[in-house]
Amino acid sequence: MVKLLWIDTETSGLDAYKNGLLSLAALYEDEGTENADRFEFECRPHPNDAINSYALKVNGYTKKQIALFPCSYEVLSTFEAFMRKYIDPYNPDDKFTMCGYNTAFDLRFVNAWFLKHGNDYFYSYFHKEIIDVLPMARRYFKTNGIPVENYKLTTVAKYFDIDGKFHTAIDDILATFQIYNLVKED
């Protein structure tokens, strides 16, 4: 059985090694069942991470708010405990497939987050394969001859009448999950 972990991040910039996580949301789905579980945490970036003011403008956080978030290490430990409820990281056949919208971006940030904390075990939790809804949405619109301004998550969600407070990790991943179920090929 494939175990899907839908992940979205809000970050303090675009470079996974210079910037850090501000928010991480995950939606666990045990494919083929009704089992679903959510993880959502805001976190202070790692102490060496730069915070870009434009990134804060996009995701709506202030430096004052970020200073009150739980420390990054604490959130990573909590995230690992969440994942261990569903997989055994010591079993090489028991891993999540990471899913999202422009998934490579989030994968880079989450992997860098692990590494910044001296944790080399990212791939103990995740397969190297990913599911990315962005190219699936692009293919859906092109195949069906539907013109859209762009393929940003907010634009695609709007087309499907999916509401949310976008640029929050939890709303973005919930919208992504809904879009996936509308555009996936059976």
Foldseek 3Di string as FASTA:
>chain_A
DAKAKEKDFQWQDQDLQQIATQKMKIWIDPPPDPDIDIDIFGEQGDPRHDGDVVSCVLLVDDPVRRVPGHHLVVSVVVVVVVLVVQFDLVDLVTAHAYEAAVRVSVVSNVCSSCVVVVHNSPSSHYDPHHHHCQVLLVCQCVVVVNDWPDSDLVRSLVVVVHDDDPSRTVSRRVSSVVSCVVRPDD
